[in-house]
Amino acid sequence: MIQVTRKDEREANENLIRRFNRKVMQSGVLATAKIRQRFTKDISKTERRKKAIIRKERKADKMQKIRLGVR
């Protein structure tokens, strides 16, 4: 989806940029691009569980070090 904006004879550059930005925002191109950028494939339940276990272990280890005063 290409946004075309033509400059009028007496139009200032700032107004042209403002008009272009408004068209892009209204078309939703940036919103779809952001959604696609953050899309990740679904992972299986076992993978999610493994990652959750690792996160919990790391957090527990970090909290233990904080309690002991070791960094």
C-alpha atoms as a PDB file:
ATOM      1  CA  MET A   1       0.000   0.000   0.000  1.00  0.00           C
ATOM      2  CA  ILE A   2       1.826   3.031  -1.263  1.00  0.00           C
ATOM      3  CA  GLN A   3       0.828   6.482  -0.089  1.00  0.00           C
ATOM      4  CA  VAL A   4       1.198   9.138  -2.773  1.00  0.00           C
ATOM      5  CA  THR A   5       1.170  12.787  -1.769  1.00  0.00           C
ATOM      6  CA  ARG A   6       1.787  15.501  -4.316  1.00  0.00           C
ATOM      7  CA  LYS A   7       2.962  18.975  -3.394  1.00  0.00           C
ATOM      8  CA  ASP A   8       0.785  21.907  -4.385  1.00  0.00           C
ATOM      9  CA  GLU A   9       2.430  24.977  -5.924  1.00  0.00           C
ATOM     10  CA  ARG A  10       2.316  27.199  -2.846  1.00  0.00           C
ATOM     11  CA  GLU A  11       2.365  24.511  -0.154  1.00  0.00           C
ATOM     12  CA  ALA A  12       5.094  24.520   2.482  1.00  0.00           C
ATOM     13  CA  ASN A  13       7.170  21.400   3.036  1.00  0.00           C
ATOM     14  CA  GLU A  14       5.988  21.089   6.643  1.00  0.00           C
ATOM     15  CA  ASN A  15       2.361  20.966   5.495  1.00  0.00           C
ATOM     16  CA  LEU A  16       3.211  18.313   2.918  1.00  0.00           C
ATOM     17  CA  ILE A  17       4.917  16.158   5.552  1.00  0.00           C
ATOM     18  CA  ARG A  18       1.991  16.652   7.938  1.00  0.00           C
ATOM     19  CA  ARG A  19      -0.502  15.609   5.235  1.00  0.00           C
ATOM     20  CA  PHE A  20       1.585  12.558   4.344  1.00  0.00           C
ATOM     21  CA  ASN A  21       1.864  11.480   7.983  1.00  0.00           C
ATOM     22  CA  ARG A  22      -1.884  11.851   8.432  1.00  0.00           C
ATOM     23  CA  LYS A  23      -2.581   9.692   5.362  1.00  0.00           C
ATOM     24  CA  VAL A  24      -0.189   7.005   6.560  1.00  0.00           C
ATOM     25  CA  MET A  25      -1.740   6.947  10.043  1.00  0.00           C
ATOM     26  CA  GLN A  26      -5.283   6.761   8.652  1.00  0.00           C
ATOM     27  CA  SER A  27      -4.425   3.954   6.241  1.00  0.00           C
ATOM     28  CA  GLY A  28      -3.147   1.748   9.073  1.00  0.00           C
ATOM     29  CA  VAL A  29       0.093   0.772   7.316  1.00  0.00           C
ATOM     30  CA  LEU A  30       2.254   1.412  10.378  1.00  0.00           C
ATOM     31  CA  ALA A  31      -0.082  -0.498  12.682  1.00  0.00           C
ATOM     32  CA  THR A  32       0.023  -3.609  10.497  1.00  0.00           C
ATOM     33  CA  ALA A  33       3.791  -3.334  10.124  1.00  0.00           C
ATOM     34  CA  LYS A  34       4.219  -3.182  13.901  1.00  0.00           C
ATOM     35  CA  ILE A  35       1.959  -6.190  14.384  1.00  0.00           C
ATOM     36  CA  ARG A  36       3.884  -8.219  11.810  1.00  0.00           C
ATOM     37  CA  GLN A  37       7.206  -7.164  13.312  1.00  0.00           C
ATOM     38  CA  ARG A  38       6.283  -8.644  16.684  1.00  0.00           C
ATOM     39  CA  PHE A  39       4.676 -11.824  15.340  1.00  0.00           C
ATOM     40  CA  THR A  40       6.220 -14.990  16.665  1.00  0.00           C
ATOM     41  CA  LYS A  41       5.417 -18.580  15.918  1.00  0.00           C
ATOM     42  CA  ASP A  42       3.432 -20.524  18.492  1.00  0.00           C
ATOM     43  CA  ILE A  43       5.526 -22.807  20.644  1.00  0.00           C
ATOM     44  CA  SER A  44       4.430 -26.076  22.134  1.00  0.00           C
ATOM     45  CA  LYS A  45       3.269 -26.462  25.726  1.00  0.00           C
ATOM     46  CA  THR A  46       6.402 -28.395  26.644  1.00  0.00           C
ATOM     47  CA  GLU A  47       8.645 -25.619  25.328  1.00  0.00           C
ATOM     48  CA  ARG A  48       6.637 -23.019  27.244  1.00  0.00           C
ATOM     49  CA  ARG A  49       6.905 -25.079  30.411  1.00  0.00           C
ATOM     50  CA  LYS A  50      10.668 -25.525  29.987  1.00  0.00           C
ATOM     51  CA  LYS A  51      11.143 -21.791  29.517  1.00  0.00           C
ATOM     52  CA  ALA A  52       8.939 -21.027  32.522  1.00  0.00           C
ATOM     53  CA  ILE A  53      10.966 -23.410  34.691  1.00  0.00           C
ATOM     54  CA  ILE A  54      14.211 -21.775  33.560  1.00  0.00           C
ATOM     55  CA  ARG A  55      12.766 -18.301  34.306  1.00  0.00           C
ATOM     56  CA  LYS A  56      11.679 -19.363  37.789  1.00  0.00           C
ATOM     57  CA  GLU A  57      15.096 -20.892  38.523  1.00  0.00           C
ATOM     58  CA  ARG A  58      16.920 -17.772  37.362  1.00  0.00           C
ATOM     59  CA  LYS A  59      14.625 -15.522  39.388  1.00  0.00           C
ATOM     60  CA  ALA A  60      15.053 -17.674  42.492  1.00  0.00           C
ATOM     61  CA  ASP A  61      18.826 -17.652  42.037  1.00  0.00           C
ATOM     62  CA  LYS A  62      18.830 -13.890  41.614  1.00  0.00           C
ATOM     63  CA  MET A  63      16.680 -13.373  44.716  1.00  0.00           C
ATOM     64  CA  GLN A  64      18.931 -15.700  46.714  1.00  0.00           C
ATOM     65  CA  LYS A  65      21.996 -13.674  45.693  1.00  0.00           C
ATOM     66  CA  ILE A  66      20.240 -10.443  46.617  1.00  0.00           C
ATOM     67  CA  ARG A  67      19.366 -11.847  50.066  1.00  0.00           C
ATOM     68  CA  LEU A  68      22.975 -12.900  50.595  1.00  0.00           C
ATOM     69  CA  GLY A  69      24.243  -9.513  49.410  1.00  0.00           C
ATOM     70  CA  VAL A  70      26.218 -10.990  46.514  1.00  0.00           C
ATOM     71  CA  ARG A  71      25.972  -9.465  43.094  1.00  0.00           C
END
